[in-house]
Amino acid sequence: MDDSKLEDVVARLRRQRSDDEYVEAKASGGGLGKSVWETVSAFANTSGGTIVLGLDELTGFAPAPGFDLQKVRDQFVDGMGDGGSPGKLLHPPHYSIHRAEIEGAAILVIEVGENSVSQKPCSVAALGVQGGSYKRVDDKDILLSP
């Protein structure tokens, strides 16, 4: 996602006052929260999407205080199973990570791809397939039914 498209996305989120079916923003000021894995699962099981880390929805999608890009990036990569750890997901999707800036603050933009049918459902490993597989509906990560 280039800078002008990112600016358009952030402007749209601010007008809507919420995330949507395509984009999820997470403050991640204290590090990467567990809910990011539900969002990755939801995007992988539907049409893919974008996660913007370092923007706080509660403050109108302003840059999040305390956001540490390198720490959060490393937590995400490890959680995807690419840092030598077993990972947080079963059937993790393809993803790409980009650094960006909003209002002079560093943020991380993660593009999550949709999994192929043979790799669905993507689920949070600790919760299992039945309790950890999600789909994206508007701005919500909804647990898949059995």
Protein backbone atom coordinates (compact mmCIF):
# COMPACT_ATOMS: atom_id res chain seq x y z
CA MET A 1 0.00 0.00 0.00
CA ASP A 2 1.55 3.28 -1.05
CA ASP A 3 1.49 6.42 1.11
CA SER A 4 -1.36 8.16 -0.73
CA LYS A 5 -3.58 5.07 -0.52
CA LEU A 6 -2.76 4.76 3.18
CA GLU A 7 -3.76 8.39 3.74
CA ASP A 8 -7.07 7.68 1.96
CA VAL A 9 -7.66 4.59 4.11
CA VAL A 10 -6.98 6.46 7.36
CA ALA A 11 -9.24 9.33 6.25
CA ARG A 12 -12.01 6.80 5.50
CA LEU A 13 -11.64 5.14 8.91
CA ARG A 14 -11.78 8.53 10.60
CA ARG A 15 -14.97 9.50 8.70
CA GLN A 16 -16.57 6.13 9.53
CA ARG A 17 -15.33 6.27 13.13
CA SER A 18 -14.68 2.53 12.94
CA ASP A 19 -12.76 -0.19 11.21
CA ASP A 20 -14.46 -1.98 8.31
CA GLU A 21 -14.43 -5.23 6.38
CA TYR A 22 -11.14 -4.32 4.66
CA VAL A 23 -9.07 -2.66 7.39
CA GLU A 24 -8.49 -3.24 11.11
CA ALA A 25 -6.46 -0.73 13.16
CA LYS A 26 -4.86 -1.74 16.44
CA ALA A 27 -3.03 0.58 18.82
CA SER A 28 -0.48 -2.01 20.00
CA GLY A 29 1.06 0.61 22.29
CA GLY A 30 2.11 -1.99 24.84
CA GLY A 31 2.97 -4.63 22.27
CA LEU A 32 0.98 -6.90 20.03
CA GLY A 33 -2.33 -7.97 21.60
CA LYS A 34 -3.87 -11.42 21.30
CA SER A 35 -6.83 -10.15 19.27
CA VAL A 36 -4.59 -9.59 16.24
CA TRP A 37 -4.59 -13.37 15.66
CA GLU A 38 -8.39 -13.43 15.47
CA THR A 39 -8.20 -10.67 12.86
CA VAL A 40 -5.55 -12.50 10.82
CA SER A 41 -7.74 -15.62 10.92
CA ALA A 42 -10.81 -13.62 9.87
CA PHE A 43 -9.07 -11.96 6.93
CA ALA A 44 -7.48 -15.27 5.82
CA ASN A 45 -10.87 -17.01 5.90
CA THR A 46 -12.73 -14.30 3.96
CA SER A 47 -11.25 -11.95 1.35
CA GLY A 48 -7.99 -10.87 2.94
CA GLY A 49 -7.45 -7.43 4.41
CA THR A 50 -5.14 -4.90 5.97
CA ILE A 51 -4.08 -4.55 9.59
CA VAL A 52 -2.67 -1.17 10.61
CA LEU A 53 -0.67 -1.36 13.82
CA GLY A 54 0.12 1.83 15.71
CA LEU A 55 -3.21 3.63 15.16
CA ASP A 56 -5.67 3.85 18.02
CA GLU A 57 -9.34 3.59 17.07
CA LEU A 58 -10.39 4.93 20.49
CA THR A 59 -8.65 8.25 19.80
CA GLY A 60 -10.02 8.69 16.28
CA PHE A 61 -7.30 6.66 14.57
CA ALA A 62 -4.51 8.86 15.89
CA PRO A 63 -1.00 7.47 16.31
CA ALA A 64 -0.82 5.31 19.43
CA PRO A 65 1.47 6.47 22.24
CA GLY A 66 4.18 3.97 23.12
CA PHE A 67 4.02 2.10 19.82
CA ASP A 68 7.34 0.30 19.24
CA LEU A 69 7.42 -0.67 15.57
CA GLN A 70 10.37 -3.07 15.78
CA LYS A 71 9.04 -4.87 18.85
CA VAL A 72 5.55 -5.27 17.37
CA ARG A 73 6.95 -6.31 13.97
CA ASP A 74 9.06 -9.02 15.62
CA GLN A 75 6.08 -10.23 17.69
CA PHE A 76 3.97 -10.46 14.54
CA VAL A 77 6.60 -12.30 12.49
CA ASP A 78 7.20 -14.75 15.36
CA GLY A 79 3.46 -15.26 15.77
CA MET A 80 3.16 -16.11 12.08
CA GLY A 81 5.75 -18.82 12.62
CA ASP A 82 8.45 -17.09 10.59
CA GLY A 83 10.76 -16.24 13.46
CA GLY A 84 11.67 -19.79 14.42
CA SER A 85 8.73 -20.26 16.78
CA PRO A 86 5.83 -22.62 16.09
CA GLY A 87 3.48 -19.69 15.46
CA LYS A 88 0.05 -18.73 16.74
CA LEU A 89 -2.01 -19.93 13.75
CA LEU A 90 -2.95 -23.15 12.03
CA HIS A 91 -2.73 -22.55 8.26
CA PRO A 92 -1.21 -19.07 8.48
CA PRO A 93 -1.87 -16.93 5.41
CA HIS A 94 0.58 -15.16 3.13
CA TYR A 95 1.30 -11.65 4.38
CA SER A 96 3.48 -8.65 3.67
CA ILE A 97 4.66 -5.94 6.04
CA HIS A 98 5.31 -2.30 5.21
CA ARG A 99 6.53 0.58 7.35
CA ALA A 100 4.71 3.87 7.00
CA GLU A 101 4.15 7.18 8.77
CA ILE A 102 1.00 8.96 9.83
CA GLU A 103 1.35 12.48 11.21
CA GLY A 104 5.07 11.87 11.73
CA ALA A 105 4.57 8.67 13.72
CA ALA A 106 5.78 5.25 12.58
CA ILE A 107 3.12 2.61 11.94
CA LEU A 108 3.15 -0.89 10.53
CA VAL A 109 0.86 -1.92 7.66
CA ILE A 110 0.26 -5.65 7.23
CA GLU A 111 -1.49 -6.99 4.15
CA VAL A 112 -3.08 -10.37 4.88
CA GLY A 113 -3.97 -12.59 1.96
CA GLU A 114 -6.99 -14.84 1.65
CA ASN A 115 -6.12 -18.51 2.11
CA SER A 116 -6.86 -20.98 -0.63
CA VAL A 117 -9.75 -23.38 -0.02
CA SER A 118 -7.30 -26.17 0.84
CA GLN A 119 -5.77 -23.97 3.59
CA LYS A 120 -9.05 -22.97 5.24
CA PRO A 121 -9.91 -22.49 7.94
CA CYS A 122 -7.03 -20.50 9.33
CA SER A 123 -7.44 -20.67 13.09
CA VAL A 124 -5.80 -19.54 16.32
CA ALA A 125 -3.82 -22.63 17.32
CA ALA A 126 -4.37 -22.28 21.08
CA LEU A 127 -8.16 -22.24 20.56
CA GLY A 128 -8.35 -25.06 18.00
CA VAL A 129 -10.26 -25.17 14.74
CA GLN A 130 -13.74 -25.04 16.32
CA GLY A 131 -12.97 -22.31 18.85
CA GLY A 132 -10.40 -20.28 16.95
CA SER A 133 -11.58 -19.88 13.34
CA TYR A 134 -13.02 -16.48 12.39
CA LYS A 135 -14.54 -14.63 9.45
CA ARG A 136 -14.70 -10.91 8.79
CA VAL A 137 -18.11 -9.23 8.85
CA ASP A 138 -17.93 -5.43 8.59
CA ASP A 139 -15.65 -4.36 11.47
CA LYS A 140 -16.05 -7.60 13.45
CA ASP A 141 -14.13 -10.85 13.66
CA ILE A 142 -16.91 -13.42 14.00
CA LEU A 143 -16.33 -16.98 15.19
CA LEU A 144 -17.14 -19.48 12.44
CA SER A 145 -19.92 -21.93 13.16
CA PRO A 146 -19.02 -25.64 13.18
